Amino acid sequence: MENISIDTLILKLHDVNAVKFGGYKLKSGMMTPIYIDVNVVVSHPALMNQVNTFVFYSL
């Protein structure tokens, strides 16, 4: 497993414009000021793998 920090992962997500700032309404109806667009991440397979690995080992 590649060891990746949350800071590095967030910066990589920001670099590919997957992190959005503003007012976003989630499907649950809750509002959030930050949104991670997974549709953007899917276009970057290496980054998607890093996100998947990070989430897997965070559970």
PDB file of N, CA and C in Angstrom:
ATOM      1  N   MET A   1       0.838  -1.185   0.000  1.00  0.00           N
ATOM      2  CA  MET A   1       0.000   0.000   0.000  1.00  0.00           C
ATOM      3  C   MET A   1       0.875   1.238   0.000  1.00  0.00           C
ATOM      4  N   GLU A   2       0.521   2.196  -0.835  1.00  0.00           N
ATOM      5  CA  GLU A   2       1.230   3.472  -0.821  1.00  0.00           C
ATOM      6  C   GLU A   2       0.755   4.268   0.387  1.00  0.00           C
ATOM      7  N   ASN A   3       1.697   4.754   1.169  1.00  0.00           N
ATOM      8  CA  ASN A   3       1.367   5.546   2.338  1.00  0.00           C
ATOM      9  C   ASN A   3       1.121   6.982   1.897  1.00  0.00           C
ATOM     10  N   ILE A   4      -0.087   7.493   2.073  1.00  0.00           N
ATOM     11  CA  ILE A   4      -0.416   8.847   1.655  1.00  0.00           C
ATOM     12  C   ILE A   4      -1.095   9.562   2.814  1.00  0.00           C
ATOM     13  N   SER A   5      -0.688  10.796   3.044  1.00  0.00           N
ATOM     14  CA  SER A   5      -1.275  11.568   4.133  1.00  0.00           C
ATOM     15  C   SER A   5      -2.546  12.247   3.640  1.00  0.00           C
ATOM     16  N   ILE A   6      -3.403  12.598   4.572  1.00  0.00           N
ATOM     17  CA  ILE A   6      -4.642  13.292   4.225  1.00  0.00           C
ATOM     18  C   ILE A   6      -4.323  14.632   3.570  1.00  0.00           C
ATOM     19  N   ASP A   7      -3.265  15.302   4.031  1.00  0.00           N
ATOM     20  CA  ASP A   7      -2.883  16.594   3.447  1.00  0.00           C
ATOM     21  C   ASP A   7      -2.507  16.443   1.977  1.00  0.00           C
ATOM     22  N   THR A   8      -1.714  15.435   1.669  1.00  0.00           N
ATOM     23  CA  THR A   8      -1.301  15.180   0.285  1.00  0.00           C
ATOM     24  C   THR A   8      -2.504  14.832  -0.573  1.00  0.00           C
ATOM     25  N   LEU A   9      -3.391  14.017  -0.050  1.00  0.00           N
ATOM     26  CA  LEU A   9      -4.580  13.614  -0.796  1.00  0.00           C
ATOM     27  C   LEU A   9      -5.468  14.821  -1.097  1.00  0.00           C
ATOM     28  N   ILE A  10      -5.665  15.679  -0.118  1.00  0.00           N
ATOM     29  CA  ILE A  10      -6.482  16.878  -0.321  1.00  0.00           C
ATOM     30  C   ILE A  10      -5.853  17.783  -1.374  1.00  0.00           C
ATOM     31  N   LEU A  11      -4.544  17.951  -1.323  1.00  0.00           N
ATOM     32  CA  LEU A  11      -3.868  18.782  -2.325  1.00  0.00           C
ATOM     33  C   LEU A  11      -4.014  18.198  -3.726  1.00  0.00           C
ATOM     34  N   LYS A  12      -3.911  16.882  -3.847  1.00  0.00           N
ATOM     35  CA  LYS A  12      -4.081  16.240  -5.156  1.00  0.00           C
ATOM     36  C   LYS A  12      -5.513  16.410  -5.661  1.00  0.00           C
ATOM     37  N   LEU A  13      -6.488  16.283  -4.774  1.00  0.00           N
ATOM     38  CA  LEU A  13      -7.881  16.497  -5.157  1.00  0.00           C
ATOM     39  C   LEU A  13      -8.099  17.936  -5.617  1.00  0.00           C
ATOM     40  N   HIS A  14      -7.484  18.863  -4.916  1.00  0.00           N
ATOM     41  CA  HIS A  14      -7.593  20.280  -5.288  1.00  0.00           C
ATOM     42  C   HIS A  14      -6.929  20.538  -6.638  1.00  0.00           C
ATOM     43  N   ASP A  15      -5.800  19.897  -6.895  1.00  0.00           N
ATOM     44  CA  ASP A  15      -5.071  20.078  -8.160  1.00  0.00           C
ATOM     45  C   ASP A  15      -5.897  19.675  -9.380  1.00  0.00           C
ATOM     46  N   VAL A  16      -6.768  18.689  -9.233  1.00  0.00           N
ATOM     47  CA  VAL A  16      -7.598  18.245 -10.363  1.00  0.00           C
ATOM     48  C   VAL A  16      -8.997  18.877 -10.320  1.00  0.00           C
ATOM     49  N   ASN A  17      -9.152  19.892  -9.476  1.00  0.00           N
ATOM     50  CA  ASN A  17     -10.420  20.635  -9.334  1.00  0.00           C
ATOM     51  C   ASN A  17     -11.578  19.756  -8.872  1.00  0.00           C
ATOM     52  N   ALA A  18     -11.286  18.796  -8.017  1.00  0.00           N
ATOM     53  CA  ALA A  18     -12.336  17.936  -7.474  1.00  0.00           C
ATOM     54  C   ALA A  18     -12.936  18.518  -6.198  1.00  0.00           C
ATOM     55  N   VAL A  19     -12.232  19.463  -5.569  1.00  0.00           N
ATOM     56  CA  VAL A  19     -12.725  20.090  -4.344  1.00  0.00           C
ATOM     57  C   VAL A  19     -13.438  21.380  -4.729  1.00  0.00           C
ATOM     58  N   LYS A  20     -14.697  21.488  -4.343  1.00  0.00           N
ATOM     59  CA  LYS A  20     -15.514  22.654  -4.671  1.00  0.00           C
ATOM     60  C   LYS A  20     -15.877  23.380  -3.378  1.00  0.00           C
ATOM     61  N   PHE A  21     -15.832  24.699  -3.427  1.00  0.00           N
ATOM     62  CA  PHE A  21     -16.187  25.522  -2.273  1.00  0.00           C
ATOM     63  C   PHE A  21     -17.421  26.350  -2.610  1.00  0.00           C
ATOM     64  N   GLY A  22     -18.301  26.500  -1.647  1.00  0.00           N
ATOM     65  CA  GLY A  22     -19.534  27.257  -1.842  1.00  0.00           C
ATOM     66  C   GLY A  22     -20.638  26.606  -1.036  1.00  0.00           C
ATOM     67  N   GLY A  23     -21.867  26.875  -1.394  1.00  0.00           N
ATOM     68  CA  GLY A  23     -22.999  26.256  -0.720  1.00  0.00           C
ATOM     69  C   GLY A  23     -23.545  25.122  -1.564  1.00  0.00           C
ATOM     70  N   TYR A  24     -23.447  23.907  -1.073  1.00  0.00           N
ATOM     71  CA  TYR A  24     -23.912  22.737  -1.818  1.00  0.00           C
ATOM     72  C   TYR A  24     -24.943  21.985  -0.997  1.00  0.00           C
ATOM     73  N   LYS A  25     -26.029  21.608  -1.651  1.00  0.00           N
ATOM     74  CA  LYS A  25     -27.073  20.836  -0.992  1.00  0.00           C
ATOM     75  C   LYS A  25     -26.877  19.367  -1.339  1.00  0.00           C
ATOM     76  N   LEU A  26     -26.697  18.548  -0.313  1.00  0.00           N
ATOM     77  CA  LEU A  26     -26.517  17.113  -0.497  1.00  0.00           C
ATOM     78  C   LEU A  26     -27.868  16.440  -0.721  1.00  0.00           C
ATOM     79  N   LYS A  27     -27.854  15.203  -1.198  1.00  0.00           N
ATOM     80  CA  LYS A  27     -29.104  14.471  -1.426  1.00  0.00           C
ATOM     81  C   LYS A  27     -29.916  14.327  -0.145  1.00  0.00           C
ATOM     82  N   SER A  28     -29.229  14.332   0.994  1.00  0.00           N
ATOM     83  CA  SER A  28     -29.910  14.221   2.284  1.00  0.00           C
ATOM     84  C   SER A  28     -30.651  15.500   2.645  1.00  0.00           C
ATOM     85  N   GLY A  29     -30.374  16.581   1.901  1.00  0.00           N
ATOM     86  CA  GLY A  29     -30.986  17.872   2.201  1.00  0.00           C
ATOM     87  C   GLY A  29     -30.079  18.777   3.015  1.00  0.00           C
ATOM     88  N   MET A  30     -29.018  18.205   3.571  1.00  0.00           N
ATOM     89  CA  MET A  30     -28.079  19.004   4.360  1.00  0.00           C
ATOM     90  C   MET A  30     -27.256  19.899   3.441  1.00  0.00           C
ATOM     91  N   MET A  31     -26.874  21.052   3.959  1.00  0.00           N
ATOM     92  CA  MET A  31     -26.014  21.975   3.226  1.00  0.00           C
ATOM     93  C   MET A  31     -24.573  21.781   3.687  1.00  0.00           C
ATOM     94  N   THR A  32     -23.632  21.958   2.771  1.00  0.00           N
ATOM     95  CA  THR A  32     -22.213  21.839   3.096  1.00  0.00           C
ATOM     96  C   THR A  32     -21.435  22.914   2.344  1.00  0.00           C
ATOM     97  N   PRO A  33     -20.409  23.498   2.979  1.00  0.00           N
ATOM     98  CA  PRO A  33     -19.602  24.517   2.298  1.00  0.00           C
ATOM     99  C   PRO A  33     -18.508  23.925   1.412  1.00  0.00           C
ATOM    100  N   ILE A  34     -18.242  22.629   1.560  1.00  0.00           N
ATOM    101  CA  ILE A  34     -17.187  21.967   0.784  1.00  0.00           C
ATOM    102  C   ILE A  34     -17.772  20.703   0.168  1.00  0.00           C
ATOM    103  N   TYR A  35     -17.426  20.463  -1.092  1.00  0.00           N
ATOM    104  CA  TYR A  35     -17.947  19.305  -1.817  1.00  0.00           C
ATOM    105  C   TYR A  35     -16.805  18.673  -2.603  1.00  0.00           C
ATOM    106  N   ILE A  36     -16.690  17.351  -2.559  1.00  0.00           N
ATOM    107  CA  ILE A  36     -15.697  16.641  -3.370  1.00  0.00           C
ATOM    108  C   ILE A  36     -16.447  15.966  -4.512  1.00  0.00           C
ATOM    109  N   ASP A  37     -16.149  16.398  -5.725  1.00  0.00           N
ATOM    110  CA  ASP A  37     -16.817  15.904  -6.926  1.00  0.00           C
ATOM    111  C   ASP A  37     -16.158  14.601  -7.374  1.00  0.00           C
ATOM    112  N   VAL A  38     -16.799  13.491  -7.052  1.00  0.00           N
ATOM    113  CA  VAL A  38     -16.253  12.174  -7.367  1.00  0.00           C
ATOM    114  C   VAL A  38     -16.196  11.950  -8.879  1.00  0.00           C
ATOM    115  N   ASN A  39     -17.081  12.599  -9.623  1.00  0.00           N
ATOM    116  CA  ASN A  39     -17.061  12.463 -11.081  1.00  0.00           C
ATOM    117  C   ASN A  39     -15.743  12.953 -11.669  1.00  0.00           C
ATOM    118  N   VAL A  40     -15.138  13.954 -11.051  1.00  0.00           N
ATOM    119  CA  VAL A  40     -13.831  14.450 -11.494  1.00  0.00           C
ATOM    120  C   VAL A  40     -12.750  13.434 -11.142  1.00  0.00           C
ATOM    121  N   VAL A  41     -12.829  12.864  -9.948  1.00  0.00           N
ATOM    122  CA  VAL A  41     -11.814  11.920  -9.469  1.00  0.00           C
ATOM    123  C   VAL A  41     -11.772  10.666 -10.348  1.00  0.00           C
ATOM    124  N   VAL A  42     -12.915  10.223 -10.831  1.00  0.00           N
ATOM    125  CA  VAL A  42     -12.985   9.023 -11.666  1.00  0.00           C
ATOM    126  C   VAL A  42     -12.142   9.184 -12.935  1.00  0.00           C
ATOM    127  N   SER A  43     -11.974  10.407 -13.391  1.00  0.00           N
ATOM    128  CA  SER A  43     -11.175  10.671 -14.595  1.00  0.00           C
ATOM    129  C   SER A  43      -9.674  10.576 -14.346  1.00  0.00           C
ATOM    130  N   HIS A  44      -9.285  10.356 -13.103  1.00  0.00           N
ATOM    131  CA  HIS A  44      -7.873  10.256 -12.715  1.00  0.00           C
ATOM    132  C   HIS A  44      -7.684   8.942 -11.952  1.00  0.00           C
ATOM    133  N   PRO A  45      -7.461   7.840 -12.682  1.00  0.00           N
ATOM    134  CA  PRO A  45      -7.426   6.506 -12.057  1.00  0.00           C
ATOM    135  C   PRO A  45      -6.421   6.348 -10.915  1.00  0.00           C
ATOM    136  N   ALA A  46      -5.243   6.922 -11.043  1.00  0.00           N
ATOM    137  CA  ALA A  46      -4.246   6.792  -9.968  1.00  0.00           C
ATOM    138  C   ALA A  46      -4.736   7.488  -8.702  1.00  0.00           C
ATOM    139  N   LEU A  47      -5.329   8.663  -8.866  1.00  0.00           N
ATOM    140  CA  LEU A  47      -5.865   9.399  -7.723  1.00  0.00           C
ATOM    141  C   LEU A  47      -7.063   8.657  -7.134  1.00  0.00           C
ATOM    142  N   MET A  48      -7.910   8.116  -7.991  1.00  0.00           N
ATOM    143  CA  MET A  48      -9.062   7.343  -7.521  1.00  0.00           C
ATOM    144  C   MET A  48      -8.599   6.160  -6.679  1.00  0.00           C
ATOM    145  N   ASN A  49      -7.551   5.500  -7.112  1.00  0.00           N
ATOM    146  CA  ASN A  49      -6.994   4.383  -6.357  1.00  0.00           C
ATOM    147  C   ASN A  49      -6.474   4.851  -4.998  1.00  0.00           C
ATOM    148  N   GLN A  50      -5.831   6.012  -4.961  1.00  0.00           N
ATOM    149  CA  GLN A  50      -5.324   6.546  -3.691  1.00  0.00           C
ATOM    150  C   GLN A  50      -6.471   6.888  -2.751  1.00  0.00           C
ATOM    151  N   VAL A  51      -7.539   7.472  -3.286  1.00  0.00           N
ATOM    152  CA  VAL A  51      -8.714   7.790  -2.464  1.00  0.00           C
ATOM    153  C   VAL A  51      -9.322   6.500  -1.921  1.00  0.00           C
ATOM    154  N   ASN A  52      -9.496   5.501  -2.791  1.00  0.00           N
ATOM    155  CA  ASN A  52     -10.059   4.212  -2.358  1.00  0.00           C
ATOM    156  C   ASN A  52      -9.209   3.575  -1.265  1.00  0.00           C
ATOM    157  N   THR A  53      -7.903   3.575  -1.455  1.00  0.00           N
ATOM    158  CA  THR A  53      -6.987   2.992  -0.473  1.00  0.00           C
ATOM    159  C   THR A  53      -7.065   3.743   0.846  1.00  0.00           C
ATOM    160  N   PHE A  54      -7.096   5.068   0.776  1.00  0.00           N
ATOM    161  CA  PHE A  54      -7.173   5.881   1.991  1.00  0.00           C
ATOM    162  C   PHE A  54      -8.456   5.579   2.759  1.00  0.00           C
ATOM    163  N   VAL A  55      -9.578   5.540   2.050  1.00  0.00           N
ATOM    164  CA  VAL A  55     -10.857   5.261   2.705  1.00  0.00           C
ATOM    165  C   VAL A  55     -10.859   3.853   3.294  1.00  0.00           C
ATOM    166  N   PHE A  56     -10.362   2.876   2.544  1.00  0.00           N
ATOM    167  CA  PHE A  56     -10.323   1.489   3.018  1.00  0.00           C
ATOM    168  C   PHE A  56      -9.552   1.377   4.329  1.00  0.00           C
ATOM    169  N   TYR A  57      -8.377   1.973   4.393  1.00  0.00           N
ATOM    170  CA  TYR A  57      -7.554   1.851   5.597  1.00  0.00           C
ATOM    171  C   TYR A  57      -7.983   2.796   6.717  1.00  0.00           C
ATOM    172  N   SER A  58      -8.901   3.710   6.415  1.00  0.00           N
ATOM    173  CA  SER A  58      -9.414   4.615   7.445  1.00  0.00           C
ATOM    174  C   SER A  58     -10.603   4.020   8.189  1.00  0.00           C
ATOM    175  N   LEU A  59     -11.189   2.981   7.625  1.00  0.00           N
ATOM    176  CA  LEU A  59     -12.379   2.379   8.255  1.00  0.00           C
ATOM    177  C   LEU A  59     -12.021   1.470   9.396  1.00  0.00           C
TER     178      LEU A  59
END
